[in-house]
Amino acid sequence: MVFIKGGWFKMGSNDGEDDEKPVHRVWVDDFYMDKYEVTNAEYEVTNAEFKRFVDATAYVTTAEKEGSAWNWNGKEWKEIKGSNWMHPSGPGSGIKGKMDYPVVNVSWSDAVAYAEWAGKRLPTESEWEYAARGGLKGKKYPWGNEIMHNDANYWGTGGRDSWEYTAPVGSFPPNGYGLYDMAGNVWEWCLDWYDKKYYSKSPERNPKGPDTGTYRVVRGGGWYGGPRDLRCADRNFDSPEGRYSPLGFRCAKDAR
């Protein structure tokens, strides 16, 4: 994990969607953030990744319980029976040779269960945006204001990033905090409930989102996201039980 020194920052964007407004001042305490998105299996010797979690706990994911996950077939999104984290595209597909790819088709509940097992937690939305900005102020992306196909894995690059869907974690340059894939590759679950108008009532210090809600926050844009989705301030959401092929997560941890 990477230590992130806390501080004040301006969260949101006045040039973005309505739920990104108003730009407001936020303080986050020191915390740790995973350098990479959680992968299918062990990527670094120090990381306990998803396969180890399942092997150790016999955990059954939402997609396995429900018998399906949602996949892109090149033309449309389809609910694929038998699709789950081990079989990302359905029966016949697998993760062999893709151990360093981000785990996908995992719900918010799955991500929380993994994080708790690993002694971590999901990042709050404010921690996530603070970390994504990498110490830069007022920039659209984790690296600046422009985006090119060699900056991240995202939709519309015409295959120039070498991967049709997900890419191995760490395939693109890190941001100023040494974090990889904070834009693109997979959308990432956050701890918070989603509220379109939360920014108008958010506390200044360590906001954790509303107390209740229907959807959970997802951030970062994925391989299916376009340049607008990859902006540091962009907000999105999904059902806590949602499981999709461009949706994964990374963990955070308190520094104290």
C-alpha atoms as a PDB file:
ATOM      1  CA  MET A   1       0.000   0.000   0.000  1.00  0.00           C
ATOM      2  CA  VAL A   2       1.019   3.621  -0.492  1.00  0.00           C
ATOM      3  CA  PHE A   3       0.956   6.144   2.345  1.00  0.00           C
ATOM      4  CA  ILE A   4      -1.056   9.241   1.392  1.00  0.00           C
ATOM      5  CA  LYS A   5      -0.399  12.354   3.454  1.00  0.00           C
ATOM      6  CA  GLY A   6      -3.741  13.978   4.198  1.00  0.00           C
ATOM      7  CA  GLY A   7      -4.684  17.614   3.769  1.00  0.00           C
ATOM      8  CA  TRP A   8      -7.149  20.071   2.268  1.00  0.00           C
ATOM      9  CA  PHE A   9      -8.211  19.899  -1.375  1.00  0.00           C
ATOM     10  CA  LYS A  10     -10.943  21.171  -3.651  1.00  0.00           C
ATOM     11  CA  MET A  11     -13.359  18.362  -4.438  1.00  0.00           C
ATOM     12  CA  GLY A  12     -15.657  18.353  -7.452  1.00  0.00           C
ATOM     13  CA  SER A  13     -15.777  20.327 -10.691  1.00  0.00           C
ATOM     14  CA  ASN A  14     -17.838  23.315 -11.765  1.00  0.00           C
ATOM     15  CA  ASP A  15     -17.326  22.253 -15.399  1.00  0.00           C
ATOM     16  CA  GLY A  16     -18.633  18.731 -14.876  1.00  0.00           C
ATOM     17  CA  GLU A  17     -21.963  17.061 -14.234  1.00  0.00           C
ATOM     18  CA  ASP A  18     -24.501  18.441 -11.766  1.00  0.00           C
ATOM     19  CA  ASP A  19     -23.532  15.931  -9.082  1.00  0.00           C
ATOM     20  CA  GLU A  20     -19.936  17.229  -9.154  1.00  0.00           C
ATOM     21  CA  LYS A  21     -21.076  20.669  -8.022  1.00  0.00           C
ATOM     22  CA  PRO A  22     -20.387  22.770  -6.114  1.00  0.00           C
ATOM     23  CA  VAL A  23     -16.619  22.567  -5.827  1.00  0.00           C
ATOM     24  CA  HIS A  24     -16.033  22.481  -2.092  1.00  0.00           C
ATOM     25  CA  ARG A  25     -13.114  22.377   0.308  1.00  0.00           C
ATOM     26  CA  VAL A  26     -12.505  19.011   1.982  1.00  0.00           C
ATOM     27  CA  TRP A  27     -10.004  17.723   4.520  1.00  0.00           C
ATOM     28  CA  VAL A  28      -8.917  14.076   4.562  1.00  0.00           C
ATOM     29  CA  ASP A  29      -6.740  12.505   7.253  1.00  0.00           C
ATOM     30  CA  ASP A  30      -3.609  10.512   6.422  1.00  0.00           C
ATOM     31  CA  PHE A  31      -4.431   7.094   4.964  1.00  0.00           C
ATOM     32  CA  TYR A  32      -3.051   4.223   2.934  1.00  0.00           C
ATOM     33  CA  MET A  33      -4.275   3.269  -0.534  1.00  0.00           C
ATOM     34  CA  ASP A  34      -3.603   0.144  -2.575  1.00  0.00           C
ATOM     35  CA  LYS A  35      -1.034   0.852  -5.258  1.00  0.00           C
ATOM     36  CA  TYR A  36      -2.985  -1.326  -7.694  1.00  0.00           C
ATOM     37  CA  GLU A  37      -6.551  -2.449  -8.216  1.00  0.00           C
ATOM     38  CA  VAL A  38      -7.193  -5.786  -6.494  1.00  0.00           C
ATOM     39  CA  THR A  39      -6.214  -8.541  -8.906  1.00  0.00           C
ATOM     40  CA  ASN A  40      -7.480 -12.045  -9.632  1.00  0.00           C
ATOM     41  CA  ALA A  41      -4.588 -13.648  -7.769  1.00  0.00           C
ATOM     42  CA  GLU A  42      -1.359 -12.713  -6.046  1.00  0.00           C
ATOM     43  CA  TYR A  43       0.380  -9.923  -7.949  1.00  0.00           C
ATOM     44  CA  GLU A  44       2.877  -8.723  -5.357  1.00  0.00           C
ATOM     45  CA  VAL A  45       4.238 -11.041  -2.710  1.00  0.00           C
ATOM     46  CA  THR A  46       2.918  -8.682  -0.048  1.00  0.00           C
ATOM     47  CA  ASN A  47      -0.606  -8.550  -1.475  1.00  0.00           C
ATOM     48  CA  ALA A  48      -3.311 -11.009  -0.543  1.00  0.00           C
ATOM     49  CA  GLU A  49      -5.478 -10.942  -3.627  1.00  0.00           C
ATOM     50  CA  PHE A  50      -8.971 -12.189  -4.425  1.00  0.00           C
ATOM     51  CA  LYS A  51      -8.201 -15.857  -5.114  1.00  0.00           C
ATOM     52  CA  ARG A  52      -6.365 -16.195  -1.813  1.00  0.00           C
ATOM     53  CA  PHE A  53      -9.350 -14.637  -0.048  1.00  0.00           C
ATOM     54  CA  VAL A  54     -11.787 -17.099  -1.635  1.00  0.00           C
ATOM     55  CA  ASP A  55      -9.473 -20.063  -1.002  1.00  0.00           C
ATOM     56  CA  ALA A  56      -9.061 -19.079   2.653  1.00  0.00           C
ATOM     57  CA  THR A  57     -12.708 -18.338   3.423  1.00  0.00           C
ATOM     58  CA  ALA A  58     -14.766 -20.339   0.893  1.00  0.00           C
ATOM     59  CA  TYR A  59     -16.502 -17.038   0.155  1.00  0.00           C
ATOM     60  CA  VAL A  60     -19.224 -17.154  -2.507  1.00  0.00           C
ATOM     61  CA  THR A  61     -19.629 -13.954  -4.523  1.00  0.00           C
ATOM     62  CA  THR A  62     -22.891 -12.298  -5.465  1.00  0.00           C
ATOM     63  CA  ALA A  63     -22.474 -13.336  -9.106  1.00  0.00           C
ATOM     64  CA  GLU A  64     -22.045 -16.961  -8.055  1.00  0.00           C
ATOM     65  CA  LYS A  65     -25.113 -16.824  -5.812  1.00  0.00           C
ATOM     66  CA  GLU A  66     -27.240 -15.129  -8.466  1.00  0.00           C
ATOM     67  CA  GLY A  67     -25.785 -17.216 -11.278  1.00  0.00           C
ATOM     68  CA  SER A  68     -24.855 -14.349 -13.599  1.00  0.00           C
ATOM     69  CA  ALA A  69     -23.041 -11.073 -14.237  1.00  0.00           C
ATOM     70  CA  TRP A  70     -23.297  -8.403 -16.918  1.00  0.00           C
ATOM     71  CA  ASN A  71     -20.856  -8.443 -19.835  1.00  0.00           C
ATOM     72  CA  TRP A  72     -20.286  -6.435 -23.003  1.00  0.00           C
ATOM     73  CA  ASN A  73     -20.480  -8.634 -26.108  1.00  0.00           C
ATOM     74  CA  GLY A  74     -19.161  -6.005 -28.511  1.00  0.00           C
ATOM     75  CA  LYS A  75     -22.612  -4.621 -29.305  1.00  0.00           C
ATOM     76  CA  GLU A  76     -24.608  -4.483 -26.076  1.00  0.00           C
ATOM     77  CA  TRP A  77     -24.641  -5.322 -22.381  1.00  0.00           C
ATOM     78  CA  LYS A  78     -26.003  -8.774 -21.620  1.00  0.00           C
ATOM     79  CA  GLU A  79     -26.637 -10.721 -18.466  1.00  0.00           C
ATOM     80  CA  ILE A  80     -24.474 -13.812 -18.920  1.00  0.00           C
ATOM     81  CA  LYS A  81     -25.360 -16.937 -16.970  1.00  0.00           C
ATOM     82  CA  GLY A  82     -22.302 -18.484 -15.333  1.00  0.00           C
ATOM     83  CA  SER A  83     -20.298 -15.263 -15.511  1.00  0.00           C
ATOM     84  CA  ASN A  84     -18.427 -14.431 -12.294  1.00  0.00           C
ATOM     85  CA  TRP A  85     -14.959 -13.432 -11.100  1.00  0.00           C
ATOM     86  CA  MET A  86     -13.476 -16.832 -12.085  1.00  0.00           C
ATOM     87  CA  HIS A  87     -15.272 -16.917 -15.443  1.00  0.00           C
ATOM     88  CA  PRO A  88     -15.376 -13.234 -16.469  1.00  0.00           C
ATOM     89  CA  SER A  89     -17.085 -13.819 -19.823  1.00  0.00           C
ATOM     90  CA  GLY A  90     -19.157 -16.808 -18.780  1.00  0.00           C
ATOM     91  CA  PRO A  91     -18.647 -20.593 -18.939  1.00  0.00           C
ATOM     92  CA  GLY A  92     -15.570 -21.511 -20.939  1.00  0.00           C
ATOM     93  CA  SER A  93     -13.688 -18.351 -19.974  1.00  0.00           C
ATOM     94  CA  GLY A  94     -11.210 -18.191 -17.107  1.00  0.00           C
ATOM     95  CA  ILE A  95      -8.491 -16.228 -15.354  1.00  0.00           C
ATOM     96  CA  LYS A  96      -5.579 -18.472 -16.303  1.00  0.00           C
ATOM     97  CA  GLY A  97      -2.850 -16.183 -17.618  1.00  0.00           C
ATOM     98  CA  LYS A  98      -4.682 -13.178 -16.153  1.00  0.00           C
ATOM     99  CA  MET A  99      -3.643 -13.354 -12.516  1.00  0.00           C
ATOM    100  CA  ASP A 100      -2.346  -9.772 -12.621  1.00  0.00           C
ATOM    101  CA  TYR A 101      -5.560  -8.416 -14.164  1.00  0.00           C
ATOM    102  CA  PRO A 102      -8.095  -6.652 -11.925  1.00  0.00           C
ATOM    103  CA  VAL A 103     -10.795  -8.874 -10.481  1.00  0.00           C
ATOM    104  CA  VAL A 104     -14.183  -8.017 -12.036  1.00  0.00           C
ATOM    105  CA  ASN A 105     -17.832  -9.012 -11.702  1.00  0.00           C
ATOM    106  CA  VAL A 106     -17.611  -8.310  -7.959  1.00  0.00           C
ATOM    107  CA  SER A 107     -20.365  -6.508  -6.066  1.00  0.00           C
ATOM    108  CA  TRP A 108     -19.919  -3.858  -3.378  1.00  0.00           C
ATOM    109  CA  SER A 109     -20.663  -6.554  -0.791  1.00  0.00           C
ATOM    110  CA  ASP A 110     -17.922  -8.762  -2.262  1.00  0.00           C
ATOM    111  CA  ALA A 111     -15.428  -5.888  -2.157  1.00  0.00           C
ATOM    112  CA  VAL A 112     -16.278  -5.116   1.479  1.00  0.00           C
ATOM    113  CA  ALA A 113     -15.929  -8.782   2.459  1.00  0.00           C
ATOM    114  CA  TYR A 114     -12.489  -8.987   0.831  1.00  0.00           C
ATOM    115  CA  ALA A 115     -11.350  -5.715   2.414  1.00  0.00           C
ATOM    116  CA  GLU A 116     -12.392  -6.837   5.896  1.00  0.00           C
ATOM    117  CA  TRP A 117     -10.586 -10.156   5.453  1.00  0.00           C
ATOM    118  CA  ALA A 118      -7.434  -8.305   4.364  1.00  0.00           C
ATOM    119  CA  GLY A 119      -7.597  -5.925   7.351  1.00  0.00           C
ATOM    120  CA  LYS A 120      -8.496  -3.003   5.119  1.00  0.00           C
ATOM    121  CA  ARG A 121     -11.628  -1.178   3.963  1.00  0.00           C
ATOM    122  CA  LEU A 122     -12.976   0.533   0.871  1.00  0.00           C
ATOM    123  CA  PRO A 123     -11.870   4.152   0.374  1.00  0.00           C
ATOM    124  CA  THR A 124     -14.358   6.921   0.989  1.00  0.00           C
ATOM    125  CA  GLU A 125     -15.299   8.940  -2.069  1.00  0.00           C
ATOM    126  CA  SER A 126     -13.312  11.924  -0.784  1.00  0.00           C
ATOM    127  CA  GLU A 127     -10.220   9.784  -0.134  1.00  0.00           C
ATOM    128  CA  TRP A 128     -10.554   8.290  -3.595  1.00  0.00           C
ATOM    129  CA  GLU A 129     -10.666  11.672  -5.356  1.00  0.00           C
ATOM    130  CA  TYR A 130      -7.858  13.074  -3.193  1.00  0.00           C
ATOM    131  CA  ALA A 131      -5.704  10.051  -4.056  1.00  0.00           C
ATOM    132  CA  ALA A 132      -6.617  10.170  -7.760  1.00  0.00           C
ATOM    133  CA  ARG A 133      -5.462  13.788  -8.036  1.00  0.00           C
ATOM    134  CA  GLY A 134      -1.990  12.689  -6.985  1.00  0.00           C
ATOM    135  CA  GLY A 135      -1.112  16.032  -5.440  1.00  0.00           C
ATOM    136  CA  LEU A 136      -2.083  18.069  -8.510  1.00  0.00           C
ATOM    137  CA  LYS A 137      -4.466  20.990  -8.058  1.00  0.00           C
ATOM    138  CA  GLY A 138      -7.364  21.711 -10.386  1.00  0.00           C
ATOM    139  CA  LYS A 139      -6.410  19.204 -13.100  1.00  0.00           C
ATOM    140  CA  LYS A 140      -8.909  17.018 -14.946  1.00  0.00           C
ATOM    141  CA  TYR A 141      -6.937  13.788 -14.839  1.00  0.00           C
ATOM    142  CA  PRO A 142      -4.436  12.199 -12.445  1.00  0.00           C
ATOM    143  CA  TRP A 143      -1.620  13.451 -14.715  1.00  0.00           C
ATOM    144  CA  GLY A 144      -2.915  16.775 -16.120  1.00  0.00           C
ATOM    145  CA  ASN A 145      -5.598  18.228 -18.385  1.00  0.00           C
ATOM    146  CA  GLU A 146      -5.148  16.178 -21.569  1.00  0.00           C
ATOM    147  CA  ILE A 147      -5.654  12.469 -22.198  1.00  0.00           C
ATOM    148  CA  MET A 148      -3.976  10.206 -24.758  1.00  0.00           C
ATOM    149  CA  HIS A 149      -4.325   6.484 -25.441  1.00  0.00           C
ATOM    150  CA  ASN A 150      -1.032   5.739 -23.684  1.00  0.00           C
ATOM    151  CA  ASP A 151      -2.205   7.397 -20.436  1.00  0.00           C
ATOM    152  CA  ALA A 152      -4.895   4.886 -19.472  1.00  0.00           C
ATOM    153  CA  ASN A 153      -7.043   1.954 -20.568  1.00  0.00           C
ATOM    154  CA  TYR A 154     -10.339   3.469 -21.738  1.00  0.00           C
ATOM    155  CA  TRP A 155     -13.028   3.259 -24.402  1.00  0.00           C
ATOM    156  CA  GLY A 156     -12.462   4.602 -27.886  1.00  0.00           C
ATOM    157  CA  THR A 157      -8.708   4.132 -28.170  1.00  0.00           C
ATOM    158  CA  GLY A 158      -9.149   1.834 -31.150  1.00  0.00           C
ATOM    159  CA  GLY A 159      -7.066  -0.937 -29.632  1.00  0.00           C
ATOM    160  CA  ARG A 160      -4.035   1.343 -29.462  1.00  0.00           C
ATOM    161  CA  ASP A 161      -3.676   0.580 -25.755  1.00  0.00           C
ATOM    162  CA  SER A 162      -3.168  -3.120 -26.718  1.00  0.00           C
ATOM    163  CA  TRP A 163      -6.078  -4.481 -24.651  1.00  0.00           C
ATOM    164  CA  GLU A 164      -9.653  -4.919 -25.770  1.00  0.00           C
ATOM    165  CA  TYR A 165     -11.047  -4.897 -22.231  1.00  0.00           C
ATOM    166  CA  THR A 166      -9.108  -4.942 -18.934  1.00  0.00           C
ATOM    167  CA  ALA A 167      -5.328  -4.603 -18.854  1.00  0.00           C
ATOM    168  CA  PRO A 168      -2.816  -6.002 -16.353  1.00  0.00           C
ATOM    169  CA  VAL A 169      -2.603  -3.632 -13.400  1.00  0.00           C
ATOM    170  CA  GLY A 170       0.299  -1.207 -13.627  1.00  0.00           C
ATOM    171  CA  SER A 171       0.344  -1.175 -17.439  1.00  0.00           C
ATOM    172  CA  PHE A 172       0.166   2.629 -17.515  1.00  0.00           C
ATOM    173  CA  PRO A 173       2.203   5.291 -15.685  1.00  0.00           C
ATOM    174  CA  PRO A 174       1.328   6.022 -12.029  1.00  0.00           C
ATOM    175  CA  ASN A 175       0.114   9.357 -10.731  1.00  0.00           C
ATOM    176  CA  GLY A 176       2.039  11.654  -8.405  1.00  0.00           C
ATOM    177  CA  TYR A 177       1.322   9.447  -5.398  1.00  0.00           C
ATOM    178  CA  GLY A 178       2.582   6.318  -7.142  1.00  0.00           C
ATOM    179  CA  LEU A 179      -0.919   4.882  -7.660  1.00  0.00           C
ATOM    180  CA  TYR A 180      -1.729   3.007 -10.861  1.00  0.00           C
ATOM    181  CA  ASP A 181      -4.947   2.972 -12.907  1.00  0.00           C
ATOM    182  CA  MET A 182      -6.749   5.679 -10.941  1.00  0.00           C
ATOM    183  CA  ALA A 183      -8.271   6.492 -14.326  1.00  0.00           C
ATOM    184  CA  GLY A 184      -9.478   3.694 -16.576  1.00  0.00           C
ATOM    185  CA  ASN A 185      -9.134  -0.109 -16.545  1.00  0.00           C
ATOM    186  CA  VAL A 186     -12.004  -0.775 -14.089  1.00  0.00           C
ATOM    187  CA  TRP A 187     -14.492   1.366 -12.210  1.00  0.00           C
ATOM    188  CA  GLU A 188     -13.780   1.143  -8.485  1.00  0.00           C
ATOM    189  CA  TRP A 189     -16.234   0.756  -5.625  1.00  0.00           C
ATOM    190  CA  CYS A 190     -16.138   3.358  -2.847  1.00  0.00           C
ATOM    191  CA  LEU A 191     -17.493   3.046   0.679  1.00  0.00           C
ATOM    192  CA  ASP A 192     -20.121   5.800   0.362  1.00  0.00           C
ATOM    193  CA  TRP A 193     -23.781   5.728  -0.483  1.00  0.00           C
ATOM    194  CA  TYR A 194     -24.445   7.921  -3.524  1.00  0.00           C
ATOM    195  CA  ASP A 195     -26.407  11.172  -3.284  1.00  0.00           C
ATOM    196  CA  LYS A 196     -26.540  13.478  -6.297  1.00  0.00           C
ATOM    197  CA  LYS A 197     -26.814  16.542  -4.038  1.00  0.00           C
ATOM    198  CA  TYR A 198     -24.408  15.452  -1.318  1.00  0.00           C
ATOM    199  CA  TYR A 199     -21.782  18.083  -2.133  1.00  0.00           C
ATOM    200  CA  SER A 200     -24.123  20.887  -1.070  1.00  0.00           C
ATOM    201  CA  LYS A 201     -24.338  19.460   2.467  1.00  0.00           C
ATOM    202  CA  SER A 202     -21.106  17.501   2.852  1.00  0.00           C
ATOM    203  CA  PRO A 203     -19.064  18.123   6.022  1.00  0.00           C
ATOM    204  CA  GLU A 204     -15.634  19.652   5.460  1.00  0.00           C
ATOM    205  CA  ARG A 205     -13.639  17.035   7.347  1.00  0.00           C
ATOM    206  CA  ASN A 206     -13.478  13.380   6.323  1.00  0.00           C
ATOM    207  CA  PRO A 207     -16.916  13.115   4.674  1.00  0.00           C
ATOM    208  CA  LYS A 208     -18.219   9.567   4.432  1.00  0.00           C
ATOM    209  CA  GLY A 209     -21.350  10.111   2.357  1.00  0.00           C
ATOM    210  CA  PRO A 210     -25.002   9.972   3.420  1.00  0.00           C
ATOM    211  CA  ASP A 211     -26.186   7.550   6.101  1.00  0.00           C
ATOM    212  CA  THR A 212     -28.457   5.622   3.744  1.00  0.00           C
ATOM    213  CA  GLY A 213     -29.159   5.306   0.053  1.00  0.00           C
ATOM    214  CA  THR A 214     -30.003   3.048  -2.857  1.00  0.00           C
ATOM    215  CA  TYR A 215     -26.714   3.071  -4.775  1.00  0.00           C
ATOM    216  CA  ARG A 216     -23.026   3.015  -3.872  1.00  0.00           C
ATOM    217  CA  VAL A 217     -20.426   5.309  -5.413  1.00  0.00           C
ATOM    218  CA  VAL A 218     -18.093   4.020  -8.133  1.00  0.00           C
ATOM    219  CA  ARG A 219     -15.151   6.030  -9.410  1.00  0.00           C
ATOM    220  CA  GLY A 220     -12.381   6.148 -11.991  1.00  0.00           C
ATOM    221  CA  GLY A 221     -13.976   5.135 -15.251  1.00  0.00           C
ATOM    222  CA  GLY A 222     -13.115   1.748 -16.719  1.00  0.00           C
ATOM    223  CA  TRP A 223     -12.146   0.303 -20.066  1.00  0.00           C
ATOM    224  CA  TYR A 224     -15.759   1.005 -21.047  1.00  0.00           C
ATOM    225  CA  GLY A 225     -15.545   4.659 -19.933  1.00  0.00           C
ATOM    226  CA  GLY A 226     -14.717   7.607 -22.180  1.00  0.00           C
ATOM    227  CA  PRO A 227     -12.413  10.554 -21.397  1.00  0.00           C
ATOM    228  CA  ARG A 228     -15.141  12.365 -19.463  1.00  0.00           C
ATOM    229  CA  ASP A 229     -15.617   9.356 -17.171  1.00  0.00           C
ATOM    230  CA  LEU A 230     -11.897   9.239 -16.381  1.00  0.00           C
ATOM    231  CA  ARG A 231     -11.765  12.731 -14.861  1.00  0.00           C
ATOM    232  CA  CYS A 232     -10.775  12.834 -11.180  1.00  0.00           C
ATOM    233  CA  ALA A 233     -14.039  14.588 -10.263  1.00  0.00           C
ATOM    234  CA  ASP A 234     -16.393  12.308 -12.201  1.00  0.00           C
ATOM    235  CA  ARG A 235     -18.966  10.508 -10.056  1.00  0.00           C
ATOM    236  CA  ASN A 236     -20.909   7.389 -10.869  1.00  0.00           C
ATOM    237  CA  PHE A 237     -22.930   4.827  -8.957  1.00  0.00           C
ATOM    238  CA  ASP A 238     -24.330   1.323  -9.024  1.00  0.00           C
ATOM    239  CA  SER A 239     -26.517  -1.017  -7.026  1.00  0.00           C
ATOM    240  CA  PRO A 240     -24.525  -2.586  -4.165  1.00  0.00           C
ATOM    241  CA  GLU A 241     -25.242  -5.976  -5.729  1.00  0.00           C
ATOM    242  CA  GLY A 242     -24.194  -4.866  -9.226  1.00  0.00           C
ATOM    243  CA  ARG A 243     -21.577  -7.019 -10.934  1.00  0.00           C
ATOM    244  CA  TYR A 244     -20.119  -6.060 -14.294  1.00  0.00           C
ATOM    245  CA  SER A 245     -17.046  -6.818 -16.369  1.00  0.00           C
ATOM    246  CA  PRO A 246     -15.641  -3.247 -16.054  1.00  0.00           C
ATOM    247  CA  LEU A 247     -16.227  -3.020 -12.274  1.00  0.00           C
ATOM    248  CA  GLY A 248     -13.622  -3.813  -9.608  1.00  0.00           C
ATOM    249  CA  PHE A 249     -12.074  -2.118  -6.582  1.00  0.00           C
ATOM    250  CA  ARG A 250      -9.018  -1.234  -4.537  1.00  0.00           C
ATOM    251  CA  CYS A 251      -8.688  -0.903  -0.770  1.00  0.00           C
ATOM    252  CA  ALA A 252      -7.683   1.773   1.710  1.00  0.00           C
ATOM    253  CA  LYS A 253      -6.607   1.688   5.346  1.00  0.00           C
ATOM    254  CA  ASP A 254      -6.435   4.153   8.219  1.00  0.00           C
ATOM    255  CA  ALA A 255      -2.948   5.494   8.896  1.00  0.00           C
ATOM    256  CA  ARG A 256      -3.448   5.508  12.661  1.00  0.00           C
END
